[in-house]
């Protein structure tokens, strides 16, 4: 896919897709990788198969949490959205935007659900069913 074909609507689609996958990621974000591949490579053609596979390999080889592959996928999405004629600082800005959209999409729903459940459990800690 050429960079010119990734528009503003595609950024929303990426965010919405990752928001929906966030609550399905029981066992970690890596469990949703096949669905991400289907959507980003096969359906939307935002990334090539090699870019997707390299993103996961790079993130898994690096130290840190497994969710880093989401940031790398977002980076590649953002870099593909930037035109190659754009200055390097602008390409990096688009890449960082892709990281932000992907990470917000994958982290916010599950974090919000966990926070709400912990607050509920704390408020109801005296109930027999909670203990």
Protein backbone atom coordinates (compact mmCIF):
# COMPACT_ATOMS: atom_id res chain seq x y z
CA UNK A 1 0.00 0.00 0.00
CA UNK A 2 1.34 3.40 -0.82
CA UNK A 3 1.60 6.01 1.87
CA UNK A 4 -0.91 8.26 0.11
CA UNK A 5 -3.70 5.74 0.62
CA UNK A 6 -3.55 5.86 4.43
CA UNK A 7 -5.92 8.67 5.36
CA UNK A 8 -7.44 10.17 8.49
CA UNK A 9 -10.20 7.58 8.50
CA UNK A 10 -7.63 4.80 8.58
CA UNK A 11 -6.17 6.17 11.82
CA UNK A 12 -9.64 5.87 13.39
CA UNK A 13 -10.03 2.34 12.01
CA UNK A 14 -6.69 1.34 13.54
CA UNK A 15 -7.68 2.82 16.90
CA UNK A 16 -11.12 1.17 16.89
CA UNK A 17 -9.71 -2.21 15.89
CA UNK A 18 -7.10 -2.14 18.65
CA UNK A 19 -9.72 -0.95 21.17
CA UNK A 20 -11.83 -4.01 20.35
CA UNK A 21 -8.85 -6.39 20.45
CA UNK A 22 -7.75 -5.08 23.84
CA UNK A 23 -10.53 -6.87 25.68
CA UNK A 24 -9.87 -10.10 23.78
CA UNK A 25 -6.20 -10.23 24.70
CA UNK A 26 -6.51 -12.78 27.49
CA UNK A 27 -2.99 -14.12 27.86
CA UNK A 28 -1.36 -10.96 26.53
CA UNK A 29 -1.51 -8.85 23.41
CA UNK A 30 0.51 -11.41 21.45
CA UNK A 31 -2.53 -13.70 21.42
CA UNK A 32 -4.27 -11.24 19.11
CA UNK A 33 -1.39 -11.14 16.60
CA UNK A 34 -3.15 -13.41 14.05
CA UNK A 35 -6.18 -11.11 14.04
CA UNK A 36 -3.96 -8.06 13.75
CA UNK A 37 -2.19 -9.69 10.81
CA UNK A 38 -5.47 -10.48 9.11
CA UNK A 39 -6.72 -6.94 9.54
CA UNK A 40 -3.56 -4.88 8.94
CA UNK A 41 -1.96 -6.99 6.21
CA UNK A 42 -4.70 -8.92 4.44
CA UNK A 43 -7.78 -6.70 4.76
CA UNK A 44 -6.47 -3.12 4.94
CA UNK A 45 -3.03 -3.68 3.37
CA UNK A 46 -1.47 -1.03 5.62
CA UNK A 47 1.60 -3.21 6.19
CA UNK A 48 3.32 -5.87 4.15
CA UNK A 49 3.69 -9.38 5.50
CA UNK A 50 7.42 -8.76 5.94
CA UNK A 51 6.83 -5.53 7.89
CA UNK A 52 4.36 -7.26 10.19
CA UNK A 53 6.59 -10.27 10.83
CA UNK A 54 9.65 -8.07 11.34
CA UNK A 55 7.72 -5.92 13.82
CA UNK A 56 6.91 -8.90 15.99
CA UNK A 57 10.41 -10.38 15.71
CA UNK A 58 12.07 -7.09 16.65
CA UNK A 59 9.80 -6.49 19.62
CA UNK A 60 10.16 -10.05 20.91
CA UNK A 61 13.95 -9.89 20.64
CA UNK A 62 14.10 -6.64 22.61
CA UNK A 63 13.97 -6.70 26.41
CA UNK A 64 10.75 -5.52 27.96
CA UNK A 65 7.09 -6.39 27.88
CA UNK A 66 5.56 -8.39 25.04
CA UNK A 67 3.17 -5.54 24.25
CA UNK A 68 6.05 -3.68 22.60
CA UNK A 69 5.19 -5.30 19.29
CA UNK A 70 2.05 -3.14 19.25
CA UNK A 71 4.23 -0.02 19.39
CA UNK A 72 6.36 -1.30 16.51
CA UNK A 73 3.25 -2.09 14.44
CA UNK A 74 1.99 1.42 15.14
CA UNK A 75 5.38 2.86 14.17
CA UNK A 76 5.33 1.03 10.84
CA UNK A 77 1.73 2.13 10.22
CA UNK A 78 2.66 5.77 10.91
CA UNK A 79 5.79 5.61 8.78
CA UNK A 80 3.74 4.17 5.90
CA UNK A 81 1.22 7.00 6.33
CA UNK A 82 3.97 9.60 5.88
CA UNK A 83 5.08 10.35 2.36
CA UNK A 84 8.62 9.35 1.51
CA UNK A 85 9.25 12.88 0.19
CA UNK A 86 8.48 14.35 3.63
CA UNK A 87 11.39 15.49 5.80
CA UNK A 88 12.72 12.93 8.24
CA UNK A 89 11.38 14.80 11.29
CA UNK A 90 7.88 14.68 9.80
CA UNK A 91 8.15 10.97 9.05
CA UNK A 92 9.22 10.36 12.65
CA UNK A 93 6.28 12.44 13.87
CA UNK A 94 3.88 10.28 11.90
CA UNK A 95 5.63 7.18 13.23
CA UNK A 96 5.26 8.40 16.82
CA UNK A 97 1.61 9.18 16.12
CA UNK A 98 1.15 5.59 14.99
CA UNK A 99 2.78 4.36 18.20
CA UNK A 100 0.45 6.55 20.29
CA UNK A 101 -2.71 5.43 18.48
CA UNK A 102 -1.81 1.74 18.65
CA UNK A 103 -0.75 1.81 22.31
CA UNK A 104 -3.79 3.84 23.42
CA UNK A 105 -6.02 1.44 21.53
CA UNK A 106 -4.56 -1.69 23.07
CA UNK A 107 -4.02 -0.39 26.63
CA UNK A 108 -6.97 1.85 27.53
CA UNK A 109 -9.88 -0.67 27.50
CA UNK A 110 -8.13 -3.41 29.46
CA UNK A 111 -6.61 -0.92 31.90
CA UNK A 112 -9.98 0.74 32.46
CA UNK A 113 -11.68 -2.61 33.03
CA UNK A 114 -8.98 -3.70 35.48
CA UNK A 115 -9.16 -0.40 37.37
CA UNK A 116 -12.97 -0.58 37.59
CA UNK A 117 -12.90 -4.20 38.80
CA UNK A 118 -10.26 -3.39 41.44
CA UNK A 119 -12.28 -0.42 42.71
CA UNK A 120 -15.44 -2.55 42.86
CA UNK A 121 -13.58 -5.28 44.74
CA UNK A 122 -12.14 -2.77 47.17
CA UNK A 123 -15.53 -1.14 47.80
CA UNK A 124 -17.15 -4.53 48.36
CA UNK A 125 -14.30 -6.25 50.20
CA UNK A 126 -16.55 -7.03 53.17
CA UNK A 127 -19.03 -9.02 51.11
CA UNK A 128 -18.78 -12.74 51.64
CA UNK A 129 -18.62 -13.45 47.90
CA UNK A 130 -15.69 -11.08 47.47
CA UNK A 131 -13.71 -12.48 50.41
